[in-house]
Amino acid sequence: MSETQHTPGPLEYFFGGGTGAFIVEPDGTVVAKLSVIENTSGHSALVANARLFAAAPELLEACEGLLGLAERDGWLHVAVNQARAAIAKAKGEQP
C-alpha cells in the first residue's frame, strides 16, 4: 500500500455558525471547511458530511486492517473486495 498522503487524523469537527462546519486536527489546525450548498438537505447533510469527513482516517485504517487480516487468512469475498475498492477510492488509486 502507498504512503499516506492525506491528513492522518484523528480529526474532529465543529460548526462555525451559519451554514459551515470545520474539520480540524486536535491542535486546532483547520483541514477543511464544509458548507451547505443550495438544493441539498441543508443542516442535516452538513452534520452527516462533517461526521463522515472527520471519521475518514479511522475508517480507512480499519478497512486496511481488516483487509490485511482477510488476505492473510484467505477469506476473500464480496465485502473484502468492496473494502479494497473503497480504500483505493480514498487513496486515489485504481482498485
PDB file of N, CA and C in Angstrom:
ATOM      1  N   MET A   1       0.835  -1.178   0.000  1.00  0.00           N
ATOM      2  CA  MET A   1       0.000   0.000   0.000  1.00  0.00           C
ATOM      3  C   MET A   1       0.878   1.239   0.000  1.00  0.00           C
ATOM      4  N   SER A   2       0.345   2.299  -0.546  1.00  0.00           N
ATOM      5  CA  SER A   2       1.144   3.504  -0.712  1.00  0.00           C
ATOM      6  C   SER A   2       1.282   4.279   0.591  1.00  0.00           C
ATOM      7  N   GLU A   3       2.243   5.176   0.582  1.00  0.00           N
ATOM      8  CA  GLU A   3       2.483   6.028   1.746  1.00  0.00           C
ATOM      9  C   GLU A   3       1.305   6.995   1.932  1.00  0.00           C
ATOM     10  N   THR A   4       0.957   7.277   3.183  1.00  0.00           N
ATOM     11  CA  THR A   4      -0.169   8.163   3.483  1.00  0.00           C
ATOM     12  C   THR A   4       0.076   9.559   2.934  1.00  0.00           C
ATOM     13  N   GLN A   5      -0.891  10.058   2.178  1.00  0.00           N
ATOM     14  CA  GLN A   5      -0.804  11.407   1.627  1.00  0.00           C
ATOM     15  C   GLN A   5      -1.887  12.320   2.196  1.00  0.00           C
ATOM     16  N   HIS A   6      -2.864  11.750   2.880  1.00  0.00           N
ATOM     17  CA  HIS A   6      -3.938  12.550   3.454  1.00  0.00           C
ATOM     18  C   HIS A   6      -3.586  12.940   4.895  1.00  0.00           C
ATOM     19  N   THR A   7      -4.374  13.836   5.458  1.00  0.00           N
ATOM     20  CA  THR A   7      -4.216  14.175   6.873  1.00  0.00           C
ATOM     21  C   THR A   7      -4.563  12.928   7.668  1.00  0.00           C
ATOM     22  N   PRO A   8      -3.631  12.406   8.460  1.00  0.00           N
ATOM     23  CA  PRO A   8      -3.844  11.105   9.079  1.00  0.00           C
ATOM     24  C   PRO A   8      -4.871  11.071  10.203  1.00  0.00           C
ATOM     25  N   GLY A   9      -5.172  12.183  10.820  1.00  0.00           N
ATOM     26  CA  GLY A   9      -6.128  12.175  11.914  1.00  0.00           C
ATOM     27  C   GLY A   9      -5.445  11.854  13.225  1.00  0.00           C
ATOM     28  N   PRO A  10      -6.148  11.834  14.317  1.00  0.00           N
ATOM     29  CA  PRO A  10      -7.597  11.950  14.365  1.00  0.00           C
ATOM     30  C   PRO A  10      -8.066  13.349  13.978  1.00  0.00           C
ATOM     31  N   LEU A  11      -9.271  13.403  13.463  1.00  0.00           N
ATOM     32  CA  LEU A  11      -9.880  14.672  13.092  1.00  0.00           C
ATOM     33  C   LEU A  11     -11.152  14.874  13.895  1.00  0.00           C
ATOM     34  N   GLU A  12     -11.514  16.122  14.075  1.00  0.00           N
ATOM     35  CA  GLU A  12     -12.745  16.485  14.776  1.00  0.00           C
ATOM     36  C   GLU A  12     -13.476  17.505  13.922  1.00  0.00           C
ATOM     37  N   TYR A  13     -14.708  17.804  14.272  1.00  0.00           N
ATOM     38  CA  TYR A  13     -15.439  18.834  13.547  1.00  0.00           C
ATOM     39  C   TYR A  13     -16.159  19.745  14.526  1.00  0.00           C
ATOM     40  N   PHE A  14     -16.399  20.962  14.081  1.00  0.00           N
ATOM     41  CA  PHE A  14     -17.241  21.878  14.842  1.00  0.00           C
ATOM     42  C   PHE A  14     -17.935  22.798  13.855  1.00  0.00           C
ATOM     43  N   PHE A  15     -19.017  23.394  14.311  1.00  0.00           N
ATOM     44  CA  PHE A  15     -19.800  24.275  13.455  1.00  0.00           C
ATOM     45  C   PHE A  15     -19.415  25.712  13.716  1.00  0.00           C
ATOM     46  N   GLY A  16     -19.185  26.434  12.635  1.00  0.00           N
ATOM     47  CA  GLY A  16     -18.729  27.807  12.738  1.00  0.00           C
ATOM     48  C   GLY A  16     -19.850  28.814  12.629  1.00  0.00           C
ATOM     49  N   GLY A  17     -21.053  28.385  12.835  1.00  0.00           N
ATOM     50  CA  GLY A  17     -22.183  29.296  12.713  1.00  0.00           C
ATOM     51  C   GLY A  17     -22.652  29.348  11.278  1.00  0.00           C
ATOM     52  N   GLY A  18     -23.857  29.734  11.093  1.00  0.00           N
ATOM     53  CA  GLY A  18     -24.388  29.820   9.736  1.00  0.00           C
ATOM     54  C   GLY A  18     -24.471  28.451   9.095  1.00  0.00           C
ATOM     55  N   THR A  19     -23.894  28.337   7.915  1.00  0.00           N
ATOM     56  CA  THR A  19     -24.010  27.104   7.146  1.00  0.00           C
ATOM     57  C   THR A  19     -22.671  26.406   6.961  1.00  0.00           C
ATOM     58  N   GLY A  20     -21.746  26.557   7.913  1.00  0.00           N
ATOM     59  CA  GLY A  20     -20.427  25.959   7.748  1.00  0.00           C
ATOM     60  C   GLY A  20     -20.005  25.087   8.896  1.00  0.00           C
ATOM     61  N   ALA A  21     -19.150  24.136   8.573  1.00  0.00           N
ATOM     62  CA  ALA A  21     -18.521  23.273   9.567  1.00  0.00           C
ATOM     63  C   ALA A  21     -17.042  23.223   9.238  1.00  0.00           C
ATOM     64  N   PHE A  22     -16.219  23.060  10.273  1.00  0.00           N
ATOM     65  CA  PHE A  22     -14.785  22.997  10.090  1.00  0.00           C
ATOM     66  C   PHE A  22     -14.284  21.633  10.545  1.00  0.00           C
ATOM     67  N   ILE A  23     -13.397  21.048   9.758  1.00  0.00           N
ATOM     68  CA  ILE A  23     -12.734  19.807  10.113  1.00  0.00           C
ATOM     69  C   ILE A  23     -11.354  20.215  10.614  1.00  0.00           C
ATOM     70  N   VAL A  24     -11.009  19.796  11.835  1.00  0.00           N
ATOM     71  CA  VAL A  24      -9.769  20.266  12.462  1.00  0.00           C
ATOM     72  C   VAL A  24      -8.970  19.105  13.043  1.00  0.00           C
ATOM     73  N   GLU A  25      -7.656  19.327  13.125  1.00  0.00           N
ATOM     74  CA  GLU A  25      -6.776  18.410  13.828  1.00  0.00           C
ATOM     75  C   GLU A  25      -6.884  18.725  15.319  1.00  0.00           C
ATOM     76  N   PRO A  26      -6.409  17.834  16.188  1.00  0.00           N
ATOM     77  CA  PRO A  26      -6.513  18.076  17.629  1.00  0.00           C
ATOM     78  C   PRO A  26      -5.893  19.397  18.087  1.00  0.00           C
ATOM     79  N   ASP A  27      -4.874  19.889  17.377  1.00  0.00           N
ATOM     80  CA  ASP A  27      -4.252  21.160  17.768  1.00  0.00           C
ATOM     81  C   ASP A  27      -5.024  22.378  17.259  1.00  0.00           C
ATOM     82  N   GLY A  28      -6.150  22.146  16.579  1.00  0.00           N
ATOM     83  CA  GLY A  28      -6.975  23.237  16.090  1.00  0.00           C
ATOM     84  C   GLY A  28      -6.701  23.646  14.654  1.00  0.00           C
ATOM     85  N   THR A  29      -5.717  23.027  14.009  1.00  0.00           N
ATOM     86  CA  THR A  29      -5.423  23.345  12.614  1.00  0.00           C
ATOM     87  C   THR A  29      -6.612  22.949  11.747  1.00  0.00           C
ATOM     88  N   VAL A  30      -7.124  23.895  10.967  1.00  0.00           N
ATOM     89  CA  VAL A  30      -8.265  23.634  10.097  1.00  0.00           C
ATOM     90  C   VAL A  30      -7.782  22.862   8.872  1.00  0.00           C
ATOM     91  N   VAL A  31      -8.403  21.715   8.627  1.00  0.00           N
ATOM     92  CA  VAL A  31      -8.072  20.865   7.497  1.00  0.00           C
ATOM     93  C   VAL A  31      -9.010  21.148   6.331  1.00  0.00           C
ATOM     94  N   ALA A  32     -10.266  21.428   6.643  1.00  0.00           N
ATOM     95  CA  ALA A  32     -11.261  21.670   5.602  1.00  0.00           C
ATOM     96  C   ALA A  32     -12.431  22.437   6.174  1.00  0.00           C
ATOM     97  N   LYS A  33     -13.139  23.119   5.283  1.00  0.00           N
ATOM     98  CA  LYS A  33     -14.387  23.792   5.647  1.00  0.00           C
ATOM     99  C   LYS A  33     -15.472  23.228   4.758  1.00  0.00           C
ATOM    100  N   LEU A  34     -16.545  22.802   5.370  1.00  0.00           N
ATOM    101  CA  LEU A  34     -17.690  22.290   4.633  1.00  0.00           C
ATOM    102  C   LEU A  34     -18.794  23.318   4.707  1.00  0.00           C
ATOM    103  N   SER A  35     -19.541  23.445   3.632  1.00  0.00           N
ATOM    104  CA  SER A  35     -20.680  24.345   3.666  1.00  0.00           C
ATOM    105  C   SER A  35     -21.859  23.714   2.947  1.00  0.00           C
ATOM    106  N   VAL A  36     -23.032  24.203   3.283  1.00  0.00           N
ATOM    107  CA  VAL A  36     -24.253  23.712   2.669  1.00  0.00           C
ATOM    108  C   VAL A  36     -24.425  24.424   1.340  1.00  0.00           C
ATOM    109  N   ILE A  37     -24.681  23.647   0.322  1.00  0.00           N
ATOM    110  CA  ILE A  37     -24.951  24.205  -0.998  1.00  0.00           C
ATOM    111  C   ILE A  37     -26.456  24.188  -1.198  1.00  0.00           C
ATOM    112  N   GLU A  38     -26.962  25.197  -1.867  1.00  0.00           N
ATOM    113  CA  GLU A  38     -28.403  25.238  -2.115  1.00  0.00           C
ATOM    114  C   GLU A  38     -28.864  23.948  -2.780  1.00  0.00           C
ATOM    115  N   ASN A  39     -30.129  23.643  -2.573  1.00  0.00           N
ATOM    116  CA  ASN A  39     -30.759  22.450  -3.137  1.00  0.00           C
ATOM    117  C   ASN A  39     -30.242  21.151  -2.524  1.00  0.00           C
ATOM    118  N   THR A  40     -29.670  21.208  -1.327  1.00  0.00           N
ATOM    119  CA  THR A  40     -29.317  19.989  -0.596  1.00  0.00           C
ATOM    120  C   THR A  40     -30.246  19.898   0.602  1.00  0.00           C
ATOM    121  N   SER A  41     -30.044  18.903   1.408  1.00  0.00           N
ATOM    122  CA  SER A  41     -30.916  18.749   2.568  1.00  0.00           C
ATOM    123  C   SER A  41     -30.486  19.632   3.732  1.00  0.00           C
ATOM    124  N   GLY A  42     -29.631  20.601   3.490  1.00  0.00           N
ATOM    125  CA  GLY A  42     -29.317  21.616   4.480  1.00  0.00           C
ATOM    126  C   GLY A  42     -28.465  21.142   5.627  1.00  0.00           C
ATOM    127  N   HIS A  43     -28.832  21.610   6.830  1.00  0.00           N
ATOM    128  CA  HIS A  43     -28.011  21.383   8.018  1.00  0.00           C
ATOM    129  C   HIS A  43     -27.806  19.902   8.320  1.00  0.00           C
ATOM    130  N   SER A  44     -28.823  19.074   8.109  1.00  0.00           N
ATOM    131  CA  SER A  44     -28.666  17.649   8.406  1.00  0.00           C
ATOM    132  C   SER A  44     -27.595  17.028   7.515  1.00  0.00           C
ATOM    133  N   ALA A  45     -27.510  17.445   6.254  1.00  0.00           N
ATOM    134  CA  ALA A  45     -26.461  16.945   5.363  1.00  0.00           C
ATOM    135  C   ALA A  45     -25.103  17.456   5.827  1.00  0.00           C
ATOM    136  N   LEU A  46     -25.039  18.684   6.287  1.00  0.00           N
ATOM    137  CA  LEU A  46     -23.780  19.249   6.775  1.00  0.00           C
ATOM    138  C   LEU A  46     -23.267  18.462   7.975  1.00  0.00           C
ATOM    139  N   VAL A  47     -24.145  18.164   8.909  1.00  0.00           N
ATOM    140  CA  VAL A  47     -23.765  17.394  10.091  1.00  0.00           C
ATOM    141  C   VAL A  47     -23.266  16.008   9.679  1.00  0.00           C
ATOM    142  N   ALA A  48     -24.007  15.333   8.820  1.00  0.00           N
ATOM    143  CA  ALA A  48     -23.619  13.990   8.384  1.00  0.00           C
ATOM    144  C   ALA A  48     -22.294  14.017   7.628  1.00  0.00           C
ATOM    145  N   ASN A  49     -22.103  14.988   6.755  1.00  0.00           N
ATOM    146  CA  ASN A  49     -20.863  15.084   5.994  1.00  0.00           C
ATOM    147  C   ASN A  49     -19.678  15.399   6.906  1.00  0.00           C
ATOM    148  N   ALA A  50     -19.884  16.258   7.887  1.00  0.00           N
ATOM    149  CA  ALA A  50     -18.808  16.601   8.824  1.00  0.00           C
ATOM    150  C   ALA A  50     -18.390  15.375   9.631  1.00  0.00           C
ATOM    151  N   ARG A  51     -19.363  14.600  10.105  1.00  0.00           N
ATOM    152  CA  ARG A  51     -19.044  13.378  10.855  1.00  0.00           C
ATOM    153  C   ARG A  51     -18.277  12.393   9.980  1.00  0.00           C
ATOM    154  N   LEU A  52     -18.735  12.196   8.739  1.00  0.00           N
ATOM    155  CA  LEU A  52     -18.081  11.261   7.837  1.00  0.00           C
ATOM    156  C   LEU A  52     -16.659  11.709   7.513  1.00  0.00           C
ATOM    157  N   PHE A  53     -16.485  12.977   7.228  1.00  0.00           N
ATOM    158  CA  PHE A  53     -15.157  13.509   6.905  1.00  0.00           C
ATOM    159  C   PHE A  53     -14.219  13.322   8.092  1.00  0.00           C
ATOM    160  N   ALA A  54     -14.675  13.637   9.283  1.00  0.00           N
ATOM    161  CA  ALA A  54     -13.833  13.508  10.475  1.00  0.00           C
ATOM    162  C   ALA A  54     -13.478  12.050  10.761  1.00  0.00           C
ATOM    163  N   ALA A  55     -14.359  11.125  10.413  1.00  0.00           N
ATOM    164  CA  ALA A  55     -14.115   9.703  10.668  1.00  0.00           C
ATOM    165  C   ALA A  55     -13.300   9.032   9.561  1.00  0.00           C
ATOM    166  N   ALA A  56     -13.113   9.692   8.431  1.00  0.00           N
ATOM    167  CA  ALA A  56     -12.475   9.071   7.270  1.00  0.00           C
ATOM    168  C   ALA A  56     -11.111   8.442   7.568  1.00  0.00           C
ATOM    169  N   PRO A  57     -10.191   9.107   8.280  1.00  0.00           N
ATOM    170  CA  PRO A  57      -8.896   8.457   8.532  1.00  0.00           C
ATOM    171  C   PRO A  57      -9.029   7.159   9.326  1.00  0.00           C
ATOM    172  N   GLU A  58      -9.904   7.145  10.323  1.00  0.00           N
ATOM    173  CA  GLU A  58     -10.105   5.928  11.112  1.00  0.00           C
ATOM    174  C   GLU A  58     -10.797   4.843  10.288  1.00  0.00           C
ATOM    175  N   LEU A  59     -11.750   5.232   9.444  1.00  0.00           N
ATOM    176  CA  LEU A  59     -12.420   4.258   8.587  1.00  0.00           C
ATOM    177  C   LEU A  59     -11.435   3.617   7.620  1.00  0.00           C
ATOM    178  N   LEU A  60     -10.571   4.424   7.032  1.00  0.00           N
ATOM    179  CA  LEU A  60      -9.570   3.909   6.117  1.00  0.00           C
ATOM    180  C   LEU A  60      -8.628   2.945   6.838  1.00  0.00           C
ATOM    181  N   GLU A  61      -8.158   3.331   8.010  1.00  0.00           N
ATOM    182  CA  GLU A  61      -7.252   2.476   8.778  1.00  0.00           C
ATOM    183  C   GLU A  61      -7.923   1.146   9.147  1.00  0.00           C
ATOM    184  N   ALA A  62      -9.192   1.216   9.559  1.00  0.00           N
ATOM    185  CA  ALA A  62      -9.915   0.000   9.928  1.00  0.00           C
ATOM    186  C   ALA A  62     -10.088  -0.923   8.726  1.00  0.00           C
ATOM    187  N   CYS A  63     -10.449  -0.358   7.586  1.00  0.00           N
ATOM    188  CA  CYS A  63     -10.616  -1.169   6.375  1.00  0.00           C
ATOM    189  C   CYS A  63      -9.298  -1.810   5.959  1.00  0.00           C
ATOM    190  N   GLU A  64      -8.212  -1.046   6.032  1.00  0.00           N
ATOM    191  CA  GLU A  64      -6.909  -1.608   5.679  1.00  0.00           C
ATOM    192  C   GLU A  64      -6.530  -2.748   6.622  1.00  0.00           C
ATOM    193  N   GLY A  65      -6.814  -2.588   7.905  1.00  0.00           N
ATOM    194  CA  GLY A  65      -6.507  -3.640   8.871  1.00  0.00           C
ATOM    195  C   GLY A  65      -7.312  -4.904   8.616  1.00  0.00           C
ATOM    196  N   LEU A  66      -8.613  -4.737   8.366  1.00  0.00           N
ATOM    197  CA  LEU A  66      -9.464  -5.896   8.078  1.00  0.00           C
ATOM    198  C   LEU A  66      -9.043  -6.581   6.787  1.00  0.00           C
ATOM    199  N   LEU A  67      -8.705  -5.788   5.790  1.00  0.00           N
ATOM    200  CA  LEU A  67      -8.271  -6.361   4.525  1.00  0.00           C
ATOM    201  C   LEU A  67      -6.981  -7.165   4.710  1.00  0.00           C
ATOM    202  N   GLY A  68      -6.063  -6.639   5.506  1.00  0.00           N
ATOM    203  CA  GLY A  68      -4.827  -7.369   5.779  1.00  0.00           C
ATOM    204  C   GLY A  68      -5.100  -8.711   6.436  1.00  0.00           C
ATOM    205  N   LEU A  69      -6.001  -8.731   7.403  1.00  0.00           N
ATOM    206  CA  LEU A  69      -6.362  -9.998   8.064  1.00  0.00           C
ATOM    207  C   LEU A  69      -7.020 -10.960   7.091  1.00  0.00           C
ATOM    208  N   ALA A  70      -7.924 -10.434   6.277  1.00  0.00           N
ATOM    209  CA  ALA A  70      -8.640 -11.283   5.328  1.00  0.00           C
ATOM    210  C   ALA A  70      -7.678 -11.899   4.319  1.00  0.00           C
ATOM    211  N   GLU A  71      -6.750 -11.104   3.826  1.00  0.00           N
ATOM    212  CA  GLU A  71      -5.797 -11.624   2.850  1.00  0.00           C
ATOM    213  C   GLU A  71      -4.880 -12.667   3.495  1.00  0.00           C
ATOM    214  N   ARG A  72      -4.472 -12.407   4.717  1.00  0.00           N
ATOM    215  CA  ARG A  72      -3.591 -13.353   5.417  1.00  0.00           C
ATOM    216  C   ARG A  72      -4.305 -14.676   5.669  1.00  0.00           C
ATOM    217  N   ASP A  73      -5.569 -14.603   6.069  1.00  0.00           N
ATOM    218  CA  ASP A  73      -6.316 -15.809   6.421  1.00  0.00           C
ATOM    219  C   ASP A  73      -7.053 -16.424   5.234  1.00  0.00           C
ATOM    220  N   GLY A  74      -7.000 -15.764   4.072  1.00  0.00           N
ATOM    221  CA  GLY A  74      -7.574 -16.330   2.856  1.00  0.00           C
ATOM    222  C   GLY A  74      -9.087 -16.302   2.766  1.00  0.00           C
ATOM    223  N   TRP A  75      -9.756 -15.403   3.464  1.00  0.00           N
ATOM    224  CA  TRP A  75     -11.216 -15.362   3.363  1.00  0.00           C
ATOM    225  C   TRP A  75     -11.686 -14.148   2.561  1.00  0.00           C
ATOM    226  N   LEU A  76     -11.275 -14.115   1.304  1.00  0.00           N
ATOM    227  CA  LEU A  76     -11.703 -13.034   0.414  1.00  0.00           C
ATOM    228  C   LEU A  76     -13.118 -13.317  -0.084  1.00  0.00           C
ATOM    229  N   HIS A  77     -13.972 -12.327   0.003  1.00  0.00           N
ATOM    230  CA  HIS A  77     -15.327 -12.431  -0.518  1.00  0.00           C
ATOM    231  C   HIS A  77     -15.807 -11.031  -0.874  1.00  0.00           C
ATOM    232  N   VAL A  78     -17.050 -10.879  -1.168  1.00  0.00           N
ATOM    233  CA  VAL A  78     -17.601  -9.626  -1.676  1.00  0.00           C
ATOM    234  C   VAL A  78     -17.278  -8.443  -0.767  1.00  0.00           C
ATOM    235  N   ALA A  79     -17.476  -8.571   0.530  1.00  0.00           N
ATOM    236  CA  ALA A  79     -17.239  -7.447   1.441  1.00  0.00           C
ATOM    237  C   ALA A  79     -15.773  -7.019   1.427  1.00  0.00           C
ATOM    238  N   VAL A  80     -14.870  -7.967   1.335  1.00  0.00           N
ATOM    239  CA  VAL A  80     -13.449  -7.650   1.297  1.00  0.00           C
ATOM    240  C   VAL A  80     -13.122  -6.916  -0.004  1.00  0.00           C
ATOM    241  N   ASN A  81     -13.693  -7.364  -1.108  1.00  0.00           N
ATOM    242  CA  ASN A  81     -13.466  -6.681  -2.380  1.00  0.00           C
ATOM    243  C   ASN A  81     -14.039  -5.266  -2.358  1.00  0.00           C
ATOM    244  N   GLN A  82     -15.164  -5.073  -1.684  1.00  0.00           N
ATOM    245  CA  GLN A  82     -15.731  -3.727  -1.527  1.00  0.00           C
ATOM    246  C   GLN A  82     -14.807  -2.859  -0.688  1.00  0.00           C
ATOM    247  N   ALA A  83     -14.226  -3.432   0.359  1.00  0.00           N
ATOM    248  CA  ALA A  83     -13.286  -2.681   1.188  1.00  0.00           C
ATOM    249  C   ALA A  83     -12.065  -2.286   0.364  1.00  0.00           C
ATOM    250  N   ARG A  84     -11.578  -3.196  -0.446  1.00  0.00           N
ATOM    251  CA  ARG A  84     -10.422  -2.909  -1.297  1.00  0.00           C
ATOM    252  C   ARG A  84     -10.741  -1.743  -2.245  1.00  0.00           C
ATOM    253  N   ALA A  85     -11.916  -1.751  -2.845  1.00  0.00           N
ATOM    254  CA  ALA A  85     -12.315  -0.683  -3.766  1.00  0.00           C
ATOM    255  C   ALA A  85     -12.475   0.649  -3.037  1.00  0.00           C
ATOM    256  N   ALA A  86     -13.031   0.614  -1.829  1.00  0.00           N
ATOM    257  CA  ALA A  86     -13.209   1.841  -1.056  1.00  0.00           C
ATOM    258  C   ALA A  86     -11.864   2.434  -0.645  1.00  0.00           C
ATOM    259  N   ILE A  87     -10.925   1.582  -0.265  1.00  0.00           N
ATOM    260  CA  ILE A  87      -9.587   2.054   0.096  1.00  0.00           C
ATOM    261  C   ILE A  87      -8.919   2.694  -1.110  1.00  0.00           C
ATOM    262  N   ALA A  88      -9.008   2.047  -2.255  1.00  0.00           N
ATOM    263  CA  ALA A  88      -8.411   2.594  -3.469  1.00  0.00           C
ATOM    264  C   ALA A  88      -9.031   3.952  -3.822  1.00  0.00           C
ATOM    265  N   LYS A  89     -10.334   4.064  -3.684  1.00  0.00           N
ATOM    266  CA  LYS A  89     -11.010   5.333  -3.974  1.00  0.00           C
ATOM    267  C   LYS A  89     -10.533   6.408  -3.015  1.00  0.00           C
ATOM    268  N   ALA A  90     -10.430   6.077  -1.733  1.00  0.00           N
ATOM    269  CA  ALA A  90      -9.991   7.057  -0.727  1.00  0.00           C
ATOM    270  C   ALA A  90      -8.569   7.527  -0.988  1.00  0.00           C
ATOM    271  N   LYS A  91      -7.743   6.650  -1.527  1.00  0.00           N
ATOM    272  CA  LYS A  91      -6.345   6.978  -1.778  1.00  0.00           C
ATOM    273  C   LYS A  91      -6.108   7.496  -3.190  1.00  0.00           C
ATOM    274  N   GLY A  92      -7.146   7.518  -4.023  1.00  0.00           N
ATOM    275  CA  GLY A  92      -6.993   7.982  -5.390  1.00  0.00           C
ATOM    276  C   GLY A  92      -6.251   6.985  -6.265  1.00  0.00           C
ATOM    277  N   GLU A  93      -6.350   5.713  -5.938  1.00  0.00           N
ATOM    278  CA  GLU A  93      -5.682   4.648  -6.690  1.00  0.00           C
ATOM    279  C   GLU A  93      -6.711   3.823  -7.449  1.00  0.00           C
ATOM    280  N   GLN A  94      -6.259   3.045  -8.378  1.00  0.00           N
ATOM    281  CA  GLN A  94      -7.125   2.125  -9.097  1.00  0.00           C
ATOM    282  C   GLN A  94      -7.300   0.869  -8.265  1.00  0.00           C
ATOM    283  N   PRO A  95      -8.526   0.347  -8.149  1.00  0.00           N
ATOM    284  CA  PRO A  95      -8.731  -0.889  -7.376  1.00  0.00           C
ATOM    285  C   PRO A  95      -8.134  -2.092  -8.064  1.00  0.00           C
TER     286      PRO A  95
END
